[in-house]
């Protein structure tokens, strides 16, 4: 009996699941900061016919680490914003410190 109830509850939960689709497109796949540069920009575009809310953060690539615990020298400005349908917008990326930044290419995900 308990198994049947658990199974029905699981099916009900799955019926309420809604798929999510990416509607914001990012221009380019990487950002390069040359020596002395402390900031750069990325262009974003909302390809949907509805407004969307965007939250951006930087992390070191650990998918299990929540954004509030991520520690990278890169921040996005503004971190949260809305985009109208078809809108293109510039996102500013700031390097807060060159300390710990090596001369070779490094990876910091901007999500």
Protein backbone atom coordinates (compact mmCIF):
# COMPACT_ATOMS: atom_id res chain seq x y z
CA UNK A 1 0.00 0.00 0.00
CA UNK A 2 2.79 2.41 0.96
CA UNK A 3 4.59 1.69 -2.34
CA UNK A 4 1.45 2.44 -4.36
CA UNK A 5 0.94 5.76 -2.59
CA UNK A 6 4.61 6.68 -3.11
CA UNK A 7 4.35 5.79 -6.80
CA UNK A 8 1.20 7.87 -7.27
CA UNK A 9 2.79 10.82 -5.48
CA UNK A 10 5.86 10.54 -7.71
CA UNK A 11 3.68 10.49 -10.86
CA UNK A 12 1.77 13.56 -9.66
CA UNK A 13 5.03 15.43 -9.05
CA UNK A 14 6.31 14.55 -12.52
CA UNK A 15 3.07 15.78 -14.10
CA UNK A 16 3.73 19.20 -12.62
CA UNK A 17 7.27 19.41 -14.03
CA UNK A 18 7.60 22.08 -16.69
CA UNK A 19 10.49 22.11 -19.15
CA UNK A 20 12.73 25.18 -19.19
CA UNK A 21 14.26 26.71 -22.31
CA UNK A 22 17.10 29.18 -22.70
CA UNK A 23 15.84 32.41 -24.22
CA UNK A 24 18.91 34.62 -23.71
CA UNK A 25 21.70 34.22 -26.25
CA UNK A 26 25.28 35.25 -25.49
CA UNK A 27 27.55 36.72 -28.16
CA UNK A 28 30.78 34.73 -28.16
CA UNK A 29 31.88 31.77 -26.12
CA UNK A 30 34.78 33.24 -24.17
CA UNK A 31 36.04 36.51 -22.78
CA UNK A 32 39.69 37.50 -22.94
CA UNK A 33 41.15 40.17 -20.67
CA UNK A 34 44.57 41.28 -21.90
CA UNK A 35 47.28 42.59 -19.57
CA UNK A 36 46.16 45.73 -17.78
CA UNK A 37 42.47 45.35 -18.68
CA UNK A 38 40.13 45.19 -15.71
CA UNK A 39 36.78 44.99 -17.55
CA UNK A 40 35.06 43.89 -20.73
CA UNK A 41 31.51 43.55 -22.08
CA UNK A 42 29.32 40.78 -23.44
CA UNK A 43 26.26 41.29 -25.63
CA UNK A 44 23.11 39.40 -24.64
CA UNK A 45 19.91 39.13 -26.66
CA UNK A 46 16.45 37.91 -25.68
CA UNK A 47 15.18 35.81 -28.60
CA UNK A 48 11.76 35.15 -27.07
CA UNK A 49 8.46 36.97 -27.55
CA UNK A 50 8.12 37.52 -23.81
CA UNK A 51 10.15 39.39 -21.20
CA UNK A 52 12.63 37.40 -19.14
CA UNK A 53 14.50 37.85 -15.87
CA UNK A 54 18.26 37.21 -16.01
CA UNK A 55 20.61 36.44 -13.12
CA UNK A 56 24.36 36.30 -13.82
CA UNK A 57 27.20 35.11 -11.59
CA UNK A 58 30.72 33.80 -11.98
CA UNK A 59 32.03 30.53 -10.59
CA UNK A 60 35.06 28.29 -10.95
CA UNK A 61 33.12 25.47 -12.61
CA UNK A 62 31.89 23.49 -9.59
CA UNK A 63 28.22 22.72 -10.37
CA UNK A 64 27.50 21.81 -6.74
CA UNK A 65 28.70 25.14 -5.31
CA UNK A 66 25.85 27.69 -4.90
CA UNK A 67 26.43 31.17 -6.42
CA UNK A 68 26.68 32.88 -3.02
CA UNK A 69 29.70 30.71 -2.13
CA UNK A 70 31.55 31.13 -5.43
CA UNK A 71 34.88 32.94 -5.15
CA UNK A 72 36.29 34.22 -8.43
CA UNK A 73 37.86 37.59 -9.22
CA UNK A 74 35.18 38.22 -11.87
CA UNK A 75 31.82 39.90 -11.24
CA UNK A 76 28.96 40.76 -13.58
CA UNK A 77 27.26 44.17 -13.56
CA UNK A 78 24.29 44.23 -13.26
CA UNK A 79 23.90 40.80 -11.65
CA UNK A 80 20.09 40.70 -12.02
CA UNK A 81 18.03 42.45 -14.71
CA UNK A 82 15.04 41.97 -16.97
CA UNK A 83 15.05 41.90 -20.76
CA UNK A 84 12.16 42.82 -23.03
CA UNK A 85 11.28 40.64 -26.03
CA UNK A 86 13.91 41.02 -28.76
CA UNK A 87 16.06 43.31 -26.57
CA UNK A 88 19.84 43.35 -26.85
CA UNK A 89 21.80 44.38 -23.80
CA UNK A 90 25.41 44.78 -22.76
CA UNK A 91 26.66 42.96 -19.68
CA UNK A 92 29.79 44.35 -18.03
CA UNK A 93 32.34 41.92 -16.56
CA UNK A 94 34.75 43.37 -14.00
CA UNK A 95 37.99 41.85 -12.77
CA UNK A 96 38.15 42.73 -9.07
CA UNK A 97 41.75 41.66 -8.57
CA UNK A 98 44.68 40.50 -10.67
CA UNK A 99 46.02 38.59 -7.67
CA UNK A 100 45.86 34.88 -8.39
CA UNK A 101 45.19 35.45 -12.10
CA UNK A 102 47.77 33.56 -14.10
CA UNK A 103 49.23 34.53 -17.47
CA UNK A 104 47.75 31.54 -19.25
CA UNK A 105 44.12 31.11 -20.21
CA UNK A 106 41.86 30.31 -17.28
CA UNK A 107 38.24 29.30 -17.02
CA UNK A 108 35.60 31.08 -15.00
CA UNK A 109 32.02 30.27 -15.95
CA UNK A 110 29.55 33.12 -16.22
CA UNK A 111 26.09 31.68 -15.77
